[in-house]
Amino acid sequence: MTFGFMYALPDSSATGQPVSGASYEFGATKAAAGVSDSLKGKDGHPGSMLVVDFNVSRMLRPDLALAGGYGHTNYPAGNFATDNVKVSFDNLLSKRTDVFIALVFEHVLSSGYAPMFMLGAASGGNQLSVNVGILHNF
């Protein structure tokens, strides 16, 4: 069983990202939650972007992990909010190598385009990403 908590204060210029989170492990299952608030606005104007994230992972077998999560982002100054759902499978081939598949779906709750991280904006309010890869730790 493990439990963790962290909190980081923004710097003296009132920009930064206070973060808090906690995780709990029971047997082969891990659960975590986090909240962050980016306090930096645009062009000198104050802004706040609240992000809430929950996730759960479970070792189905010693070599196979299943994980899922939900994230919500709210940026009131930009009249913008998103919901993000993710599911992943991870097959541990060895101590240092695994293959994974991750599906991520994002939906914009207000008008606008789904701006999934590292993919750019979608042509509409929904975006689906399927990621397949091999990870090797050196």
N, C-alpha and C. Protein backbone atom coordinates (compact mmCIF):
# COMPACT_ATOMS: atom_id res chain seq x y z
N MET A 1 0.85 -1.17 0.00
CA MET A 1 0.00 0.00 0.00
C MET A 1 0.89 1.24 0.00
N THR A 2 0.62 2.17 -0.90
CA THR A 2 1.37 3.42 -0.93
C THR A 2 0.40 4.58 -1.04
N PHE A 3 0.84 5.72 -0.57
CA PHE A 3 0.05 6.94 -0.65
C PHE A 3 1.00 8.10 -0.87
N GLY A 4 0.65 8.98 -1.77
CA GLY A 4 1.51 10.13 -2.03
C GLY A 4 0.70 11.38 -2.24
N PHE A 5 1.31 12.52 -1.94
CA PHE A 5 0.66 13.82 -2.12
C PHE A 5 1.73 14.84 -2.44
N MET A 6 1.44 15.75 -3.36
CA MET A 6 2.39 16.81 -3.68
C MET A 6 1.64 18.09 -3.93
N TYR A 7 2.31 19.20 -3.70
CA TYR A 7 1.74 20.51 -3.97
C TYR A 7 2.88 21.46 -4.28
N ALA A 8 2.80 22.13 -5.42
CA ALA A 8 3.83 23.08 -5.82
C ALA A 8 3.20 24.45 -5.95
N LEU A 9 3.78 25.44 -5.32
CA LEU A 9 3.27 26.81 -5.39
C LEU A 9 3.81 27.52 -6.63
N PRO A 10 3.03 28.46 -7.18
CA PRO A 10 3.55 29.24 -8.30
C PRO A 10 4.67 30.15 -7.83
N ASP A 11 5.45 30.66 -8.78
CA ASP A 11 6.56 31.54 -8.41
C ASP A 11 6.05 32.93 -8.02
N SER A 12 6.96 33.82 -7.67
CA SER A 12 6.61 35.12 -7.12
C SER A 12 5.90 36.03 -8.12
N SER A 13 5.99 35.75 -9.41
CA SER A 13 5.31 36.60 -10.40
C SER A 13 3.86 36.18 -10.59
N ALA A 14 3.37 35.28 -9.75
CA ALA A 14 2.00 34.77 -9.80
C ALA A 14 1.72 33.99 -11.07
N THR A 15 2.76 33.48 -11.69
CA THR A 15 2.56 32.55 -12.80
C THR A 15 3.12 31.22 -12.36
N GLY A 16 2.59 30.20 -12.87
CA GLY A 16 3.06 28.87 -12.48
C GLY A 16 1.91 27.90 -12.48
N GLN A 17 2.08 26.82 -11.76
CA GLN A 17 1.06 25.79 -11.78
C GLN A 17 1.02 25.08 -10.44
N PRO A 18 0.11 25.49 -9.55
CA PRO A 18 -0.06 24.72 -8.34
C PRO A 18 -0.65 23.35 -8.69
N VAL A 19 -0.08 22.31 -8.11
CA VAL A 19 -0.46 20.94 -8.44
C VAL A 19 -0.68 20.17 -7.15
N SER A 20 -1.73 19.39 -7.10
CA SER A 20 -1.90 18.48 -5.98
C SER A 20 -2.38 17.15 -6.54
N GLY A 21 -2.01 16.08 -5.89
CA GLY A 21 -2.40 14.77 -6.36
C GLY A 21 -2.21 13.73 -5.28
N ALA A 22 -2.85 12.62 -5.47
CA ALA A 22 -2.72 11.52 -4.53
C ALA A 22 -2.85 10.21 -5.29
N SER A 23 -2.20 9.18 -4.76
CA SER A 23 -2.33 7.85 -5.36
C SER A 23 -2.45 6.83 -4.25
N TYR A 24 -3.08 5.73 -4.58
CA TYR A 24 -3.29 4.67 -3.61
C TYR A 24 -3.11 3.35 -4.34
N GLU A 25 -2.39 2.44 -3.74
CA GLU A 25 -2.14 1.14 -4.34
C GLU A 25 -2.66 0.06 -3.42
N PHE A 26 -3.47 -0.83 -3.97
CA PHE A 26 -3.96 -1.97 -3.19
C PHE A 26 -3.88 -3.21 -4.06
N GLY A 27 -2.96 -4.08 -3.71
CA GLY A 27 -2.73 -5.29 -4.49
C GLY A 27 -2.21 -4.95 -5.88
N ALA A 28 -2.87 -5.49 -6.89
CA ALA A 28 -2.45 -5.27 -8.28
C ALA A 28 -3.11 -4.04 -8.90
N THR A 29 -3.86 -3.28 -8.10
CA THR A 29 -4.59 -2.11 -8.61
C THR A 29 -4.01 -0.83 -8.03
N LYS A 30 -3.87 0.17 -8.89
CA LYS A 30 -3.41 1.50 -8.48
C LYS A 30 -4.45 2.52 -8.93
N ALA A 31 -4.76 3.46 -8.06
CA ALA A 31 -5.68 4.55 -8.39
C ALA A 31 -4.99 5.87 -8.07
N ALA A 32 -5.24 6.87 -8.90
CA ALA A 32 -4.62 8.18 -8.69
C ALA A 32 -5.57 9.28 -9.12
N ALA A 33 -5.40 10.44 -8.52
CA ALA A 33 -6.18 11.62 -8.89
C ALA A 33 -5.26 12.82 -8.78
N GLY A 34 -5.50 13.79 -9.62
CA GLY A 34 -4.68 15.00 -9.58
C GLY A 34 -5.49 16.21 -9.99
N VAL A 35 -5.07 17.36 -9.49
CA VAL A 35 -5.68 18.64 -9.83
C VAL A 35 -4.56 19.63 -10.07
N SER A 36 -4.64 20.37 -11.15
CA SER A 36 -3.67 21.43 -11.39
C SER A 36 -4.40 22.66 -11.91
N ASP A 37 -3.79 23.81 -11.72
CA ASP A 37 -4.39 25.06 -12.15
C ASP A 37 -3.29 25.95 -12.71
N SER A 38 -3.25 26.09 -14.03
CA SER A 38 -2.27 26.97 -14.65
C SER A 38 -2.74 28.40 -14.45
N LEU A 39 -1.92 29.20 -13.81
CA LEU A 39 -2.34 30.55 -13.44
C LEU A 39 -1.88 31.63 -14.41
N LYS A 40 -1.17 31.25 -15.44
CA LYS A 40 -0.64 32.25 -16.36
C LYS A 40 -1.66 32.57 -17.44
N GLY A 41 -1.97 33.84 -17.58
CA GLY A 41 -2.89 34.28 -18.62
C GLY A 41 -2.15 34.59 -19.90
N LYS A 42 -2.84 35.27 -20.80
CA LYS A 42 -2.27 35.61 -22.10
C LYS A 42 -2.13 37.12 -22.21
N ASP A 43 -1.03 37.58 -22.74
CA ASP A 43 -0.78 39.01 -22.96
C ASP A 43 -0.92 39.81 -21.67
N GLY A 44 -0.47 39.27 -20.57
CA GLY A 44 -0.50 39.97 -19.30
C GLY A 44 -1.82 39.94 -18.58
N HIS A 45 -2.85 39.33 -19.15
CA HIS A 45 -4.14 39.22 -18.49
C HIS A 45 -4.17 37.97 -17.63
N PRO A 46 -4.81 38.05 -16.46
CA PRO A 46 -4.86 36.86 -15.61
C PRO A 46 -5.68 35.77 -16.27
N GLY A 47 -5.34 34.55 -15.97
CA GLY A 47 -6.08 33.42 -16.50
C GLY A 47 -5.91 32.23 -15.59
N SER A 48 -6.84 31.33 -15.67
CA SER A 48 -6.78 30.12 -14.87
C SER A 48 -7.31 28.98 -15.72
N MET A 49 -6.61 27.85 -15.72
CA MET A 49 -7.06 26.68 -16.46
C MET A 49 -6.99 25.48 -15.51
N LEU A 50 -8.12 25.08 -15.03
CA LEU A 50 -8.22 23.98 -14.07
C LEU A 50 -8.25 22.65 -14.81
N VAL A 51 -7.41 21.70 -14.36
CA VAL A 51 -7.36 20.36 -14.93
C VAL A 51 -7.55 19.36 -13.80
N VAL A 52 -8.51 18.46 -13.95
CA VAL A 52 -8.77 17.40 -12.98
C VAL A 52 -8.60 16.07 -13.71
N ASP A 53 -7.89 15.13 -13.08
CA ASP A 53 -7.58 13.86 -13.74
C ASP A 53 -7.72 12.72 -12.74
N PHE A 54 -8.37 11.64 -13.17
CA PHE A 54 -8.50 10.42 -12.38
C PHE A 54 -8.03 9.25 -13.24
N ASN A 55 -7.34 8.29 -12.66
CA ASN A 55 -6.95 7.11 -13.43
C ASN A 55 -6.81 5.90 -12.52
N VAL A 56 -7.01 4.74 -13.13
CA VAL A 56 -6.90 3.45 -12.44
C VAL A 56 -6.14 2.50 -13.35
N SER A 57 -5.24 1.72 -12.77
CA SER A 57 -4.54 0.69 -13.55
C SER A 57 -4.54 -0.61 -12.76
N ARG A 58 -4.52 -1.70 -13.49
CA ARG A 58 -4.53 -3.02 -12.84
C ARG A 58 -3.68 -3.98 -13.65
N MET A 59 -2.88 -4.75 -12.95
CA MET A 59 -2.11 -5.83 -13.57
C MET A 59 -3.06 -7.03 -13.71
N LEU A 60 -3.45 -7.34 -14.94
CA LEU A 60 -4.34 -8.48 -15.19
C LEU A 60 -3.60 -9.80 -15.05
N ARG A 61 -2.35 -9.79 -15.50
CA ARG A 61 -1.41 -10.90 -15.36
C ARG A 61 -0.07 -10.26 -15.06
N PRO A 62 0.94 -11.04 -14.70
CA PRO A 62 2.24 -10.42 -14.44
C PRO A 62 2.83 -9.68 -15.64
N ASP A 63 2.35 -10.00 -16.85
CA ASP A 63 2.90 -9.36 -18.05
C ASP A 63 1.88 -8.49 -18.79
N LEU A 64 0.68 -8.25 -18.23
CA LEU A 64 -0.34 -7.49 -18.94
C LEU A 64 -1.04 -6.51 -18.00
N ALA A 65 -0.99 -5.23 -18.37
CA ALA A 65 -1.61 -4.18 -17.57
C ALA A 65 -2.73 -3.52 -18.36
N LEU A 66 -3.79 -3.15 -17.66
CA LEU A 66 -4.91 -2.41 -18.23
C LEU A 66 -5.04 -1.12 -17.43
N ALA A 67 -5.22 0.00 -18.12
CA ALA A 67 -5.37 1.28 -17.44
C ALA A 67 -6.48 2.08 -18.10
N GLY A 68 -7.11 2.93 -17.32
CA GLY A 68 -8.14 3.82 -17.84
C GLY A 68 -8.14 5.10 -17.05
N GLY A 69 -8.63 6.15 -17.66
CA GLY A 69 -8.65 7.42 -16.96
C GLY A 69 -9.64 8.40 -17.56
N TYR A 70 -9.88 9.46 -16.80
CA TYR A 70 -10.76 10.55 -17.21
C TYR A 70 -10.11 11.87 -16.82
N GLY A 71 -10.17 12.82 -17.71
CA GLY A 71 -9.65 14.14 -17.41
C GLY A 71 -10.63 15.21 -17.84
N HIS A 72 -10.70 16.28 -17.08
CA HIS A 72 -11.56 17.42 -17.40
C HIS A 72 -10.73 18.69 -17.32
N THR A 73 -10.82 19.52 -18.34
CA THR A 73 -10.11 20.80 -18.38
C THR A 73 -11.13 21.91 -18.53
N ASN A 74 -10.97 22.97 -17.73
CA ASN A 74 -11.88 24.11 -17.79
C ASN A 74 -11.06 25.39 -17.86
N TYR A 75 -11.29 26.18 -18.90
CA TYR A 75 -10.61 27.46 -19.07
C TYR A 75 -11.69 28.54 -19.21
N PRO A 76 -12.19 29.08 -18.08
CA PRO A 76 -13.32 30.03 -18.13
C PRO A 76 -13.03 31.28 -18.95
N ALA A 77 -11.81 31.79 -18.90
CA ALA A 77 -11.49 33.02 -19.63
C ALA A 77 -11.66 32.83 -21.13
N GLY A 78 -11.43 31.63 -21.62
CA GLY A 78 -11.59 31.35 -23.04
C GLY A 78 -12.90 30.68 -23.39
N ASN A 79 -13.81 30.57 -22.40
CA ASN A 79 -15.09 29.89 -22.59
C ASN A 79 -14.86 28.52 -23.24
N PHE A 80 -14.01 27.72 -22.59
CA PHE A 80 -13.54 26.48 -23.20
C PHE A 80 -13.43 25.39 -22.14
N ALA A 81 -13.96 24.20 -22.44
CA ALA A 81 -13.84 23.06 -21.53
C ALA A 81 -13.79 21.78 -22.36
N THR A 82 -13.05 20.78 -21.87
CA THR A 82 -12.96 19.50 -22.56
C THR A 82 -13.09 18.35 -21.57
N ASP A 83 -13.56 17.23 -22.08
CA ASP A 83 -13.54 15.96 -21.36
C ASP A 83 -12.67 15.01 -22.16
N ASN A 84 -11.89 14.20 -21.45
CA ASN A 84 -10.91 13.33 -22.08
C ASN A 84 -11.00 11.96 -21.41
N VAL A 85 -11.19 10.91 -22.21
CA VAL A 85 -11.27 9.54 -21.69
C VAL A 85 -10.18 8.73 -22.36
N LYS A 86 -9.47 7.91 -21.57
CA LYS A 86 -8.37 7.13 -22.12
C LYS A 86 -8.38 5.70 -21.58
N VAL A 87 -7.96 4.77 -22.45
CA VAL A 87 -7.82 3.36 -22.09
C VAL A 87 -6.54 2.86 -22.71
N SER A 88 -5.77 2.06 -21.97
CA SER A 88 -4.54 1.51 -22.54
C SER A 88 -4.31 0.07 -22.06
N PHE A 89 -3.64 -0.69 -22.93
CA PHE A 89 -3.17 -2.03 -22.62
C PHE A 89 -1.67 -2.02 -22.77
N ASP A 90 -0.96 -2.65 -21.85
CA ASP A 90 0.50 -2.68 -21.89
C ASP A 90 0.95 -4.12 -21.68
N ASN A 91 1.65 -4.67 -22.67
CA ASN A 91 2.17 -6.04 -22.59
C ASN A 91 3.66 -5.97 -22.29
N LEU A 92 4.04 -6.43 -21.11
CA LEU A 92 5.43 -6.39 -20.68
C LEU A 92 6.17 -7.59 -21.26
N LEU A 93 6.98 -7.35 -22.27
CA LEU A 93 7.70 -8.44 -22.93
C LEU A 93 8.90 -8.90 -22.11
N SER A 94 9.55 -7.97 -21.42
CA SER A 94 10.70 -8.29 -20.58
C SER A 94 10.81 -7.20 -19.52
N LYS A 95 11.87 -7.22 -18.72
CA LYS A 95 12.07 -6.20 -17.70
C LYS A 95 12.21 -4.80 -18.31
N ARG A 96 12.73 -4.74 -19.54
CA ARG A 96 13.04 -3.45 -20.14
C ARG A 96 12.20 -3.11 -21.37
N THR A 97 11.42 -4.05 -21.89
CA THR A 97 10.71 -3.80 -23.14
C THR A 97 9.23 -4.15 -23.00
N ASP A 98 8.38 -3.28 -23.51
CA ASP A 98 6.96 -3.58 -23.57
C ASP A 98 6.35 -2.97 -24.82
N VAL A 99 5.19 -3.50 -25.21
CA VAL A 99 4.42 -2.95 -26.32
C VAL A 99 3.10 -2.46 -25.73
N PHE A 100 2.55 -1.40 -26.32
CA PHE A 100 1.34 -0.83 -25.76
C PHE A 100 0.42 -0.35 -26.87
N ILE A 101 -0.86 -0.24 -26.50
CA ILE A 101 -1.85 0.42 -27.34
C ILE A 101 -2.66 1.31 -26.41
N ALA A 102 -2.86 2.55 -26.82
CA ALA A 102 -3.60 3.51 -26.01
C ALA A 102 -4.62 4.22 -26.89
N LEU A 103 -5.84 4.29 -26.41
CA LEU A 103 -6.91 5.01 -27.10
C LEU A 103 -7.29 6.21 -26.25
N VAL A 104 -7.39 7.36 -26.88
CA VAL A 104 -7.75 8.59 -26.17
C VAL A 104 -8.86 9.28 -26.96
N PHE A 105 -9.94 9.63 -26.28
CA PHE A 105 -11.05 10.36 -26.91
C PHE A 105 -11.22 11.68 -26.18
N GLU A 106 -11.33 12.76 -26.94
CA GLU A 106 -11.52 14.08 -26.35
C GLU A 106 -12.75 14.74 -26.96
N HIS A 107 -13.54 15.38 -26.11
CA HIS A 107 -14.75 16.07 -26.53
C HIS A 107 -14.74 17.49 -25.96
N VAL A 108 -15.00 18.47 -26.82
CA VAL A 108 -15.08 19.86 -26.39
C VAL A 108 -16.51 20.14 -25.95
N LEU A 109 -16.67 20.68 -24.73
CA LEU A 109 -17.99 20.94 -24.18
C LEU A 109 -18.55 22.28 -24.63
N SER A 110 -17.72 23.15 -25.13
CA SER A 110 -18.17 24.45 -25.62
C SER A 110 -17.89 24.49 -27.12
N SER A 111 -18.10 25.63 -27.72
CA SER A 111 -17.79 25.73 -29.14
C SER A 111 -16.28 25.71 -29.33
N GLY A 112 -15.84 25.13 -30.39
CA GLY A 112 -14.41 25.06 -30.66
C GLY A 112 -14.01 23.70 -31.17
N TYR A 113 -12.73 23.54 -31.32
CA TYR A 113 -12.15 22.32 -31.87
C TYR A 113 -11.39 21.57 -30.79
N ALA A 114 -11.43 20.25 -30.86
CA ALA A 114 -10.74 19.42 -29.87
C ALA A 114 -9.23 19.52 -30.08
N PRO A 115 -8.49 20.13 -29.14
CA PRO A 115 -7.05 20.35 -29.30
C PRO A 115 -6.22 19.32 -28.56
N MET A 116 -6.23 18.07 -28.98
CA MET A 116 -5.52 17.03 -28.26
C MET A 116 -4.02 17.28 -28.27
N PHE A 117 -3.38 17.05 -27.14
CA PHE A 117 -1.95 17.29 -26.95
C PHE A 117 -1.13 16.65 -28.06
N MET A 118 -0.28 17.40 -28.68
CA MET A 118 0.67 17.00 -29.71
C MET A 118 0.02 16.60 -31.04
N LEU A 119 -1.31 16.70 -31.18
CA LEU A 119 -1.95 16.38 -32.44
C LEU A 119 -2.51 17.61 -33.13
N GLY A 120 -2.62 18.70 -32.43
CA GLY A 120 -3.25 19.87 -33.00
C GLY A 120 -4.76 19.76 -32.89
N ALA A 121 -5.44 20.78 -33.38
CA ALA A 121 -6.89 20.83 -33.27
C ALA A 121 -7.55 19.94 -34.32
N ALA A 122 -8.65 19.32 -33.92
CA ALA A 122 -9.44 18.52 -34.85
C ALA A 122 -10.31 19.44 -35.69
N SER A 123 -10.98 18.91 -36.68
CA SER A 123 -11.86 19.71 -37.52
C SER A 123 -13.22 19.95 -36.86
N GLY A 124 -13.45 19.32 -35.72
CA GLY A 124 -14.70 19.49 -35.00
C GLY A 124 -14.47 19.41 -33.50
N GLY A 125 -15.53 19.14 -32.77
CA GLY A 125 -15.45 19.12 -31.32
C GLY A 125 -15.04 17.80 -30.71
N ASN A 126 -14.77 16.78 -31.53
CA ASN A 126 -14.35 15.47 -31.03
C ASN A 126 -13.05 15.06 -31.69
N GLN A 127 -12.24 14.30 -30.96
CA GLN A 127 -11.01 13.78 -31.54
C GLN A 127 -10.69 12.43 -30.89
N LEU A 128 -10.26 11.48 -31.71
CA LEU A 128 -9.86 10.16 -31.24
C LEU A 128 -8.43 9.90 -31.67
N SER A 129 -7.64 9.42 -30.73
CA SER A 129 -6.24 9.09 -31.02
C SER A 129 -6.00 7.64 -30.64
N VAL A 130 -5.35 6.90 -31.54
CA VAL A 130 -4.94 5.52 -31.27
C VAL A 130 -3.43 5.49 -31.36
N ASN A 131 -2.77 5.14 -30.27
CA ASN A 131 -1.32 5.11 -30.21
C ASN A 131 -0.85 3.68 -29.98
N VAL A 132 0.05 3.21 -30.81
CA VAL A 132 0.64 1.88 -30.68
C VAL A 132 2.14 2.06 -30.66
N GLY A 133 2.82 1.39 -29.74
CA GLY A 133 4.26 1.58 -29.70
C GLY A 133 5.00 0.49 -28.96
N ILE A 134 6.30 0.57 -29.08
CA ILE A 134 7.22 -0.29 -28.35
C ILE A 134 8.08 0.61 -27.49
N LEU A 135 8.19 0.27 -26.22
CA LEU A 135 8.99 1.04 -25.28
C LEU A 135 10.14 0.17 -24.80
N HIS A 136 11.35 0.67 -24.92
CA HIS A 136 12.52 -0.05 -24.43
C HIS A 136 13.32 0.88 -23.54
N ASN A 137 13.54 0.48 -22.31
CA ASN A 137 14.32 1.28 -21.36
C ASN A 137 15.78 0.85 -21.40
N PHE A 138 16.66 1.80 -21.57
CA PHE A 138 18.10 1.51 -21.62
C PHE A 138 18.72 1.69 -20.26
